[in-house]
N, C-alpha and C. Protein backbone atom coordinates (compact mmCIF):
# COMPACT_ATOMS: atom_id res chain seq x y z
N UNK A 1 137.79 142.60 130.83
CA UNK A 1 137.49 143.14 129.49
C UNK A 1 138.39 144.09 129.36
N UNK A 2 139.73 144.70 128.33
CA UNK A 2 140.39 145.76 128.01
C UNK A 2 139.75 146.44 127.07
N UNK A 3 139.27 147.82 127.18
CA UNK A 3 139.12 148.47 125.86
C UNK A 3 139.62 149.62 125.71
N UNK A 4 139.97 150.00 124.56
CA UNK A 4 140.50 150.86 124.18
C UNK A 4 139.61 151.97 123.10
N UNK A 5 139.22 153.32 123.33
CA UNK A 5 138.12 153.88 122.78
C UNK A 5 138.78 154.76 121.89
N UNK A 6 138.54 154.87 120.54
CA UNK A 6 139.23 155.94 119.50
C UNK A 6 137.94 156.64 118.92
N UNK A 7 138.34 157.74 118.57
CA UNK A 7 137.12 158.44 117.42
C UNK A 7 137.77 158.13 115.98
N UNK A 8 136.92 158.20 115.20
CA UNK A 8 136.80 157.67 113.79
C UNK A 8 136.20 158.92 112.69
N UNK A 9 136.73 159.62 112.04
CA UNK A 9 136.07 160.60 111.19
C UNK A 9 136.14 160.10 109.95
N UNK A 10 135.21 160.02 109.41
CA UNK A 10 135.08 158.99 107.92
C UNK A 10 134.76 160.09 106.50
N UNK A 11 134.10 161.33 106.48
CA UNK A 11 133.83 161.84 105.34
C UNK A 11 134.18 163.50 105.55
N UNK A 12 134.19 163.71 104.41
CA UNK A 12 134.21 165.13 104.32
C UNK A 12 133.07 166.08 104.98
N UNK A 13 131.56 165.39 105.17
CA UNK A 13 130.36 165.97 105.68
C UNK A 13 130.80 165.90 107.10
N UNK A 14 131.41 164.84 107.59
CA UNK A 14 131.65 164.96 109.14
C UNK A 14 132.33 166.22 109.63
N UNK A 15 133.81 166.37 108.70
CA UNK A 15 134.60 166.96 108.77
C UNK A 15 134.24 168.27 109.10
N UNK A 16 133.27 168.82 108.05
CA UNK A 16 132.42 169.91 107.91
C UNK A 16 131.79 170.37 108.74
N UNK A 17 131.01 169.32 109.31
CA UNK A 17 130.13 169.79 110.25
C UNK A 17 130.96 169.89 111.75
N UNK A 18 131.79 169.02 111.80
CA UNK A 18 132.97 169.26 113.35
C UNK A 18 133.33 170.65 113.15
N UNK A 19 133.93 171.18 111.94
CA UNK A 19 134.37 172.49 112.11
C UNK A 19 133.62 173.29 112.22
N UNK A 20 132.39 173.52 112.42
CA UNK A 20 131.26 174.50 112.52
C UNK A 20 131.45 175.73 112.16
N UNK A 21 130.81 175.79 110.94
CA UNK A 21 130.35 176.86 110.13
C UNK A 21 131.22 176.96 108.84
N UNK A 22 131.62 176.13 108.16
CA UNK A 22 132.15 176.44 107.29
C UNK A 22 133.62 176.80 106.89
N UNK A 23 134.51 176.52 107.78
CA UNK A 23 136.14 176.86 107.69
C UNK A 23 136.36 176.54 106.49
N UNK A 24 137.47 177.03 105.97
CA UNK A 24 138.05 176.37 104.83
C UNK A 24 138.62 175.05 104.70
N UNK A 25 137.52 174.55 103.64
CA UNK A 25 138.43 172.74 103.60
C UNK A 25 138.84 172.48 101.97
N UNK A 26 138.60 173.56 101.52
CA UNK A 26 138.73 173.51 99.92
C UNK A 26 140.37 173.38 99.38
N UNK A 27 141.07 173.56 100.59
CA UNK A 27 142.30 173.32 100.09
C UNK A 27 142.92 171.57 99.88
N UNK A 28 141.89 170.93 100.70
CA UNK A 28 142.27 169.24 100.58
C UNK A 28 141.31 168.84 99.82
N UNK A 29 141.40 168.49 98.57
CA UNK A 29 140.79 167.80 97.62
C UNK A 29 140.77 166.45 97.60
N UNK A 30 140.18 165.53 97.25
CA UNK A 30 140.34 163.77 97.12
C UNK A 30 139.31 163.64 97.88
N UNK A 31 139.69 162.04 98.70
CA UNK A 31 138.42 161.26 99.19
C UNK A 31 138.91 161.63 100.62
N UNK A 32 138.29 161.67 101.43
CA UNK A 32 138.39 161.16 103.15
C UNK A 32 137.99 159.91 103.42
N UNK A 33 139.51 159.16 104.01
CA UNK A 33 139.68 158.10 104.48
C UNK A 33 139.98 158.14 106.05
N UNK A 34 139.81 157.24 106.55
CA UNK A 34 140.52 156.81 107.76
C UNK A 34 141.22 155.35 107.99
N UNK A 35 142.28 155.35 108.58
CA UNK A 35 142.83 153.90 108.86
C UNK A 35 143.21 153.83 110.21
N UNK A 36 142.97 152.57 110.93
CA UNK A 36 143.01 152.46 111.86
C UNK A 36 144.00 151.39 112.52
N UNK A 37 145.21 151.40 113.34
CA UNK A 37 145.87 150.50 113.68
C UNK A 37 145.99 150.17 115.37
N UNK A 38 145.88 149.01 114.91
CA UNK A 38 145.92 148.49 116.85
C UNK A 38 146.51 147.35 116.72
N UNK A 39 147.52 147.54 118.22
CA UNK A 39 148.71 146.72 118.50
C UNK A 39 148.48 146.24 120.04
N UNK A 40 148.84 144.35 119.63
CA UNK A 40 148.63 143.88 120.64
C UNK A 40 149.80 143.98 121.87
N UNK A 41 149.69 144.47 123.06
CA UNK A 41 150.49 144.50 123.94
C UNK A 41 151.27 143.38 124.72
N UNK A 42 150.44 142.52 124.74
CA UNK A 42 150.71 141.19 125.04
C UNK A 42 151.82 140.07 124.41
N UNK A 43 153.44 140.15 125.09
CA UNK A 43 154.13 139.40 124.26
C UNK A 43 153.95 137.54 124.42
N UNK A 44 152.72 137.54 124.96
CA UNK A 44 152.34 135.92 125.24
C UNK A 44 151.27 135.52 124.58
N UNK A 45 150.26 136.17 124.60
CA UNK A 45 149.07 136.01 124.28
C UNK A 45 148.03 136.66 122.92
N UNK A 46 147.65 135.94 122.16
CA UNK A 46 146.84 136.46 121.16
C UNK A 46 146.01 137.40 121.61
N UNK A 47 145.23 138.34 121.01
CA UNK A 47 144.32 139.51 121.36
C UNK A 47 143.37 139.23 120.45
N UNK A 48 142.11 138.67 121.23
CA UNK A 48 140.68 138.73 120.50
C UNK A 48 140.24 140.19 120.47
N UNK A 49 139.80 140.50 119.69
CA UNK A 49 139.43 142.15 119.41
C UNK A 49 137.89 142.17 118.39
N UNK A 50 137.62 143.34 119.26
CA UNK A 50 136.33 143.57 118.21
C UNK A 50 135.91 145.06 118.19
N UNK A 51 135.68 145.32 116.74
CA UNK A 51 135.77 146.92 116.65
C UNK A 51 134.01 147.05 116.36
N UNK A 52 133.53 147.97 117.19
CA UNK A 52 132.20 148.37 116.93
C UNK A 52 132.35 149.91 116.29
N UNK A 53 131.45 149.86 115.03
CA UNK A 53 131.72 151.12 114.68
C UNK A 53 129.91 151.86 115.07
N UNK A 54 130.11 153.33 115.49
CA UNK A 54 128.62 153.82 116.09
C UNK A 54 128.74 155.05 115.05
N UNK A 55 127.07 155.21 114.86
CA UNK A 55 127.07 156.58 113.99
C UNK A 55 126.97 157.86 115.15
N UNK A 56 127.42 158.53 114.21
CA UNK A 56 127.59 160.12 114.76
C UNK A 56 126.62 161.01 115.41
N UNK A 57 126.30 161.64 116.19
CA UNK A 57 125.20 162.37 116.36
C UNK A 57 125.02 163.14 115.05
N UNK A 58 123.85 163.46 114.64
CA UNK A 58 123.40 164.43 113.52
C UNK A 58 123.16 163.28 112.31
N UNK A 59 123.42 162.12 112.17
CA UNK A 59 122.98 161.13 111.32
C UNK A 59 121.63 160.30 111.68
N UNK A 60 120.92 159.78 110.77
CA UNK A 60 119.75 159.41 110.64
C UNK A 60 119.84 158.39 111.97
N UNK A 61 121.15 157.15 112.41
CA UNK A 61 121.05 156.17 113.27
C UNK A 61 121.87 157.06 114.08
N UNK A 62 121.79 157.98 114.72
CA UNK A 62 122.70 158.68 115.81
C UNK A 62 122.71 157.27 116.78
N UNK A 63 123.95 156.81 117.53
CA UNK A 63 124.28 156.22 118.63
C UNK A 63 124.23 154.72 118.37
N UNK A 64 123.99 154.39 117.05
CA UNK A 64 123.21 153.24 116.56
C UNK A 64 124.70 152.32 116.14
N UNK A 65 124.48 150.80 116.27
CA UNK A 65 125.96 150.37 115.77
C UNK A 65 125.52 150.21 114.20
N UNK A 66 126.88 150.88 113.42
CA UNK A 66 126.73 150.59 112.01
C UNK A 66 127.09 149.39 112.05
N UNK A 67 128.28 148.83 112.55
CA UNK A 67 128.74 147.52 111.97
C UNK A 67 129.74 147.28 112.99
N UNK A 68 130.20 145.87 113.10
CA UNK A 68 131.06 145.08 114.07
C UNK A 68 131.63 144.04 113.85
N UNK A 69 132.95 143.93 113.75
CA UNK A 69 133.78 142.81 113.37
C UNK A 69 134.51 142.35 114.25
N UNK A 70 135.20 141.13 114.35
CA UNK A 70 135.94 140.42 115.22
C UNK A 70 137.13 140.29 114.57
N UNK A 71 138.56 140.21 115.19
CA UNK A 71 139.53 139.61 114.47
C UNK A 71 140.90 139.49 115.78
N UNK A 72 142.00 138.64 115.21
CA UNK A 72 142.68 138.34 116.32
C UNK A 72 144.04 138.79 115.92
N UNK A 73 144.89 139.41 116.98
CA UNK A 73 145.94 140.17 116.33
C UNK A 73 147.14 139.29 117.67
N UNK A 74 147.98 138.72 116.46
CA UNK A 74 149.06 137.49 117.31
C UNK A 74 149.58 138.23 118.59
N UNK A 75 150.28 137.82 119.55
CA UNK A 75 150.91 138.14 120.46
C UNK A 75 152.03 139.08 120.25
N UNK A 76 152.02 140.42 120.31
CA UNK A 76 153.33 141.28 120.01
C UNK A 76 153.11 142.04 118.69
N UNK A 77 151.95 141.57 118.24
CA UNK A 77 151.66 142.17 116.59
C UNK A 77 150.56 143.13 116.48
N UNK A 78 150.70 143.75 115.02
CA UNK A 78 149.86 144.52 115.15
C UNK A 78 149.02 144.41 113.82
N UNK A 79 147.95 145.14 113.49
CA UNK A 79 147.36 144.92 112.08
C UNK A 79 146.36 146.25 111.87
N UNK A 80 146.15 146.89 110.44
CA UNK A 80 145.73 147.64 110.25
C UNK A 80 144.40 147.63 109.67
N UNK A 81 143.90 148.52 109.71
CA UNK A 81 142.28 148.18 108.80
C UNK A 81 142.31 149.88 108.10
N UNK A 82 142.19 149.58 107.03
CA UNK A 82 141.89 150.66 106.06
C UNK A 82 140.45 150.94 105.71
N UNK A 83 139.78 151.99 106.22
CA UNK A 83 138.34 152.20 105.88
C UNK A 83 137.51 151.74 104.63
N UNK A 84 137.96 152.50 103.47
CA UNK A 84 137.37 151.69 102.36
C UNK A 84 137.22 150.38 102.25
N UNK A 85 138.30 149.52 102.48
CA UNK A 85 138.12 148.09 102.57
C UNK A 85 137.92 146.96 103.49
N UNK A 86 137.12 148.03 104.69
CA UNK A 86 136.21 147.24 105.60
C UNK A 86 134.92 146.60 104.89
N UNK A 87 134.66 145.31 104.29
CA UNK A 87 133.58 144.79 104.20
C UNK A 87 132.52 144.80 104.90
N UNK A 88 131.29 145.37 104.65
CA UNK A 88 130.02 145.59 105.67
C UNK A 88 129.83 146.96 106.02
N UNK A 89 130.95 147.69 106.56
CA UNK A 89 130.61 148.91 106.89
C UNK A 89 130.15 150.12 105.90
N UNK A 90 129.00 150.33 106.20
CA UNK A 90 128.28 151.19 104.97
C UNK A 90 129.23 152.48 104.47
N UNK A 91 129.18 152.58 103.01
CA UNK A 91 130.17 153.37 102.63
C UNK A 91 129.64 154.93 103.05
N UNK A 92 128.52 155.51 103.22
CA UNK A 92 128.53 156.58 103.94
C UNK A 92 128.81 156.95 105.68
N UNK A 93 129.54 155.80 106.21
CA UNK A 93 129.35 155.87 107.47
C UNK A 93 130.22 157.06 108.05
N UNK A 94 129.63 157.65 108.92
CA UNK A 94 130.09 158.88 109.73
C UNK A 94 130.28 158.37 111.23
N UNK A 95 131.15 158.75 112.15
CA UNK A 95 130.90 157.85 113.54
C UNK A 95 131.93 157.79 113.97
N UNK A 96 132.13 156.89 115.11
CA UNK A 96 133.11 156.55 115.94
C UNK A 96 133.16 155.09 115.89
N UNK A 97 134.41 154.71 116.62
CA UNK A 97 134.78 152.87 116.85
C UNK A 97 135.25 152.95 118.13
N UNK A 98 134.50 151.59 118.37
CA UNK A 98 135.09 151.42 119.78
C UNK A 98 135.77 149.76 119.67
N UNK A 99 136.87 149.78 120.20
CA UNK A 99 138.04 148.71 120.28
C UNK A 99 138.03 148.16 121.34
N UNK A 100 137.55 146.74 121.52
CA UNK A 100 137.55 146.12 122.80
C UNK A 100 138.65 144.60 122.60
N UNK A 101 139.15 144.16 123.60
CA UNK A 101 140.28 143.31 123.59
C UNK A 101 140.19 142.74 124.61
N UNK A 102 140.40 141.24 124.47
CA UNK A 102 140.80 140.51 125.91
C UNK A 102 142.06 140.62 126.54
N UNK A 103 142.83 141.19 125.71
CA UNK A 103 144.43 141.69 126.08
C UNK A 103 144.83 143.21 125.94
N UNK A 104 145.56 143.91 126.60
CA UNK A 104 145.68 145.07 126.76
C UNK A 104 146.25 145.41 125.01
N UNK A 105 145.84 146.53 124.54
CA UNK A 105 145.80 146.62 123.13
C UNK A 105 146.06 148.31 123.18
N UNK A 106 146.74 148.91 122.15
CA UNK A 106 146.80 150.29 121.68
C UNK A 106 146.24 150.54 120.55
N UNK A 107 145.62 151.59 120.42
CA UNK A 107 144.97 152.07 118.78
C UNK A 107 145.12 153.33 118.57
N UNK A 108 145.09 153.68 117.42
CA UNK A 108 144.93 154.68 116.95
C UNK A 108 144.42 155.45 115.19
N UNK A 109 143.87 155.87 115.21
CA UNK A 109 143.62 156.29 113.90
C UNK A 109 143.93 157.69 113.13
N UNK A 110 144.23 157.47 111.88
CA UNK A 110 144.78 158.61 111.21
C UNK A 110 143.58 158.89 110.42
N UNK A 111 143.21 160.15 110.07
CA UNK A 111 142.40 160.78 109.15
C UNK A 111 143.19 161.36 107.92
N UNK A 112 142.68 160.74 106.82
CA UNK A 112 143.72 161.29 105.63
C UNK A 112 143.01 161.69 104.76
N UNK A 113 143.04 162.39 103.75
CA UNK A 113 142.70 162.76 102.10
C UNK A 113 144.07 162.10 101.04
N UNK A 114 143.48 161.56 100.22
CA UNK A 114 144.19 161.19 99.03
C UNK A 114 143.63 162.20 98.40
N UNK A 115 144.77 162.29 97.14
CA UNK A 115 144.78 163.25 95.86
C UNK A 115 143.77 162.65 95.25
N UNK A 116 142.85 163.01 94.20
CA UNK A 116 141.77 162.81 93.87
C UNK A 116 142.15 161.34 92.60
N UNK A 117 141.79 160.52 92.79
CA UNK A 117 141.59 159.23 92.17
C UNK A 117 142.89 158.42 92.63
N UNK A 118 143.68 158.66 93.58
CA UNK A 118 144.81 157.84 93.97
C UNK A 118 144.83 157.64 95.31
N UNK A 119 145.39 156.51 96.07
CA UNK A 119 145.60 156.73 97.65
C UNK A 119 147.09 156.78 97.85
N UNK A 120 147.35 157.25 96.73
CA UNK A 120 149.25 157.20 97.13
C UNK A 120 149.70 158.44 98.11
N UNK A 121 150.69 158.65 98.61
CA UNK A 121 150.94 159.65 99.35
C UNK A 121 149.95 160.79 99.98
N UNK A 122 148.89 159.82 100.88
CA UNK A 122 147.64 160.92 101.42
C UNK A 122 148.33 161.99 102.41
N UNK A 123 147.81 163.01 102.47
CA UNK A 123 147.73 164.37 103.38
C UNK A 123 147.16 163.75 104.82
N UNK A 124 148.22 163.39 105.74
CA UNK A 124 147.31 162.92 106.93
C UNK A 124 146.92 163.97 107.92
N UNK A 125 146.00 164.23 107.86
CA UNK A 125 144.91 165.58 108.90
C UNK A 125 144.64 165.28 109.90
N UNK A 126 144.85 164.06 110.68
CA UNK A 126 144.44 164.32 112.14
C UNK A 126 145.10 162.93 112.12
N UNK A 127 145.21 162.56 114.05
CA UNK A 127 145.71 161.45 114.66
C UNK A 127 145.00 161.31 115.65
N UNK A 128 144.15 160.30 116.18
CA UNK A 128 143.74 160.20 117.45
C UNK A 128 144.45 158.60 118.20
N UNK A 129 144.88 158.74 119.39
CA UNK A 129 144.86 158.09 120.15
C UNK A 129 143.65 157.05 120.96
N UNK A 130 143.49 155.93 121.06
CA UNK A 130 142.49 155.28 122.15
C UNK A 130 142.97 155.41 123.61
N UNK A 131 141.98 155.73 124.30
CA UNK A 131 142.36 155.88 125.80
C UNK A 131 141.41 154.74 126.67
N UNK A 132 142.17 154.31 127.65
CA UNK A 132 141.48 153.29 128.51
C UNK A 132 140.54 154.06 129.36
N UNK A 133 140.92 155.12 130.12
CA UNK A 133 140.26 155.85 131.11
C UNK A 133 139.65 157.37 130.59
N UNK A 134 138.70 157.71 129.77
CA UNK A 134 138.37 159.10 129.21
C UNK A 134 137.81 159.60 130.34
N UNK A 135 138.38 161.10 130.01
CA UNK A 135 138.24 162.21 131.00
C UNK A 135 137.09 162.87 130.81
N UNK A 136 137.00 163.59 131.77
CA UNK A 136 136.04 165.03 131.74
C UNK A 136 136.28 166.09 131.27
N UNK A 137 138.08 166.39 131.32
CA UNK A 137 138.60 167.87 131.00
C UNK A 137 139.33 167.17 130.02
N UNK A 138 139.81 167.64 128.72
CA UNK A 138 141.01 167.74 128.02
C UNK A 138 141.52 169.00 127.62
N UNK A 139 142.83 168.92 127.58
CA UNK A 139 143.47 170.01 127.07
C UNK A 139 144.30 169.64 125.55
N UNK A 140 144.12 170.47 124.83
CA UNK A 140 144.76 170.54 123.55
C UNK A 140 145.84 171.28 123.45
N UNK A 141 147.06 171.19 122.93
CA UNK A 141 148.15 171.81 122.93
C UNK A 141 148.23 172.97 121.93
N UNK A 142 147.75 172.62 120.61
CA UNK A 142 147.52 173.30 119.57
C UNK A 142 146.38 173.01 118.77
N UNK A 143 145.81 174.18 118.44
CA UNK A 143 144.34 174.15 117.48
C UNK A 143 144.37 175.37 117.09
N UNK A 144 144.48 175.13 115.49
CA UNK A 144 144.90 176.41 114.71
C UNK A 144 143.63 176.77 113.87
N UNK A 145 143.07 178.14 113.49
CA UNK A 145 142.34 178.06 112.50
C UNK A 145 143.07 179.80 111.93
N UNK A 146 143.19 178.89 110.59
CA UNK A 146 144.54 180.01 109.54
C UNK A 146 143.46 179.96 108.18
N UNK A 147 143.93 180.82 107.11
CA UNK A 147 143.42 180.55 105.66
C UNK A 147 143.97 179.16 105.11
N UNK A 148 145.22 178.61 105.81
CA UNK A 148 145.49 177.83 105.17
C UNK A 148 145.21 176.23 105.93
N UNK A 149 145.23 176.33 107.19
CA UNK A 149 144.88 175.23 107.58
C UNK A 149 144.01 175.48 109.04
N UNK A 150 143.33 174.42 109.15
CA UNK A 150 142.00 174.25 110.99
C UNK A 150 142.78 172.94 111.55
N UNK A 151 142.57 172.98 112.56
CA UNK A 151 142.33 171.75 113.40
C UNK A 151 141.01 171.13 113.28
N UNK A 152 141.13 170.01 113.35
CA UNK A 152 139.94 169.00 113.75
C UNK A 152 140.05 168.84 115.09
N UNK A 153 138.90 168.78 115.64
CA UNK A 153 138.46 168.17 117.41
C UNK A 153 137.66 167.21 117.25
N UNK A 154 137.92 166.31 118.00
CA UNK A 154 136.58 165.48 117.71
C UNK A 154 136.41 164.87 119.42
N UNK A 155 135.19 165.44 120.23
CA UNK A 155 134.93 164.94 121.15
C UNK A 155 133.89 163.48 121.14
N UNK A 156 133.86 162.83 122.02
CA UNK A 156 133.09 161.35 121.84
C UNK A 156 132.65 161.16 123.29
N UNK A 157 131.21 161.08 123.73
CA UNK A 157 130.82 160.85 124.81
C UNK A 157 130.91 159.39 124.91
N UNK A 158 131.91 158.78 125.59
CA UNK A 158 131.85 157.41 126.29
C UNK A 158 130.69 156.98 127.13
N UNK A 159 129.48 157.50 127.64
CA UNK A 159 128.99 157.17 128.62
C UNK A 159 127.60 156.89 127.32
N UNK A 160 126.40 156.29 128.08
CA UNK A 160 124.93 155.92 127.72
C UNK A 160 124.19 157.14 127.96
N UNK A 161 124.95 158.35 128.30
CA UNK A 161 123.83 159.70 128.68
C UNK A 161 124.09 160.71 128.12
N UNK A 162 123.28 161.56 127.86
CA UNK A 162 123.63 162.95 127.28
C UNK A 162 124.44 163.72 128.21
N UNK A 163 125.42 164.12 127.17
CA UNK A 163 126.76 164.94 128.04
C UNK A 163 126.60 166.50 127.30
N UNK A 164 126.88 167.17 128.00
CA UNK A 164 127.17 168.71 127.62
C UNK A 164 128.51 168.87 127.59
N UNK A 165 129.12 169.58 126.47
CA UNK A 165 130.43 170.12 126.00
C UNK A 165 130.38 171.36 125.90
N UNK A 166 131.66 171.85 126.32
CA UNK A 166 131.72 173.39 126.29
C UNK A 166 133.06 173.50 125.89
N UNK A 167 133.62 174.12 124.89
CA UNK A 167 134.61 173.99 124.21
C UNK A 167 135.11 175.62 124.53
N UNK A 168 136.52 176.02 125.31
CA UNK A 168 137.02 177.14 125.30
C UNK A 168 138.54 177.22 124.45
N UNK A 169 138.61 178.26 123.58
CA UNK A 169 139.59 178.65 123.29
C UNK A 169 140.57 179.99 123.72
N UNK A 170 142.06 179.35 123.88
CA UNK A 170 142.70 180.65 124.24
C UNK A 170 143.99 181.28 123.60
N UNK A 171 144.27 182.23 123.43
CA UNK A 171 144.86 182.83 122.88
C UNK A 171 146.26 182.31 122.96
N UNK A 172 147.35 182.09 122.22
CA UNK A 172 148.67 181.65 122.24
C UNK A 172 150.04 182.54 122.80
N UNK A 173 149.43 183.85 122.53
CA UNK A 173 150.66 185.19 123.11
C UNK A 173 150.41 185.26 124.48
N UNK A 174 149.35 185.29 124.81
CA UNK A 174 148.95 185.75 126.44
C UNK A 174 148.25 184.92 127.24
N UNK A 175 147.72 183.82 126.68
CA UNK A 175 147.01 183.04 127.49
C UNK A 175 145.32 183.34 127.50
N UNK A 176 145.00 184.53 127.20
CA UNK A 176 143.79 185.15 127.41
C UNK A 176 142.76 184.29 126.73
N UNK A 177 141.37 183.89 126.87
CA UNK A 177 140.25 183.29 126.53
C UNK A 177 139.98 184.01 125.32
N UNK A 178 139.72 183.35 124.41
CA UNK A 178 138.99 184.09 123.05
C UNK A 178 137.64 183.84 122.99
N UNK A 179 137.24 184.78 123.75
CA UNK A 179 135.14 184.79 123.63
C UNK A 179 134.74 184.76 122.49
N UNK A 180 135.20 185.43 121.13
CA UNK A 180 134.60 185.06 119.82
C UNK A 180 134.79 183.86 119.29
N UNK A 181 135.60 182.96 119.68
CA UNK A 181 135.76 181.62 119.18
C UNK A 181 134.65 180.70 119.79
């Protein structure tokens, strides 16, 4: 079975918690949502997929399945799933999703905020791609903390065991570690 893993952030509560300590997000007003796009890489066989959502650490049901659904993506085709429209997914869901398939697939998620009262022209605030081989070391080429924009970094433990995470930040001018970060 081929598996793609992707991280899904679905609410302002999760974003604020992950930004650790109240970095400004007030400039982004509106409703936080996510969209998942999955493409079947096989040109000859339909992909039978399962998308399983897990509650995030810090939520009352951390690590438990929040919801799961099955679908079929035609050979060479793609389907998108808009989080507010996934019937059965709890409205207050904060967590991650695992995409499983019997064919090779690629997946990504876009976290966005729409202007209050609309979903037209959302501001896309993050994109993550699924991976077949999770790594123990990740490098991000750009992480920003400024008065007008802040980066969002999601780290997902893909095992069933507790994992310790260390995040180090480095200065963009000379590569020195920023210890106060």
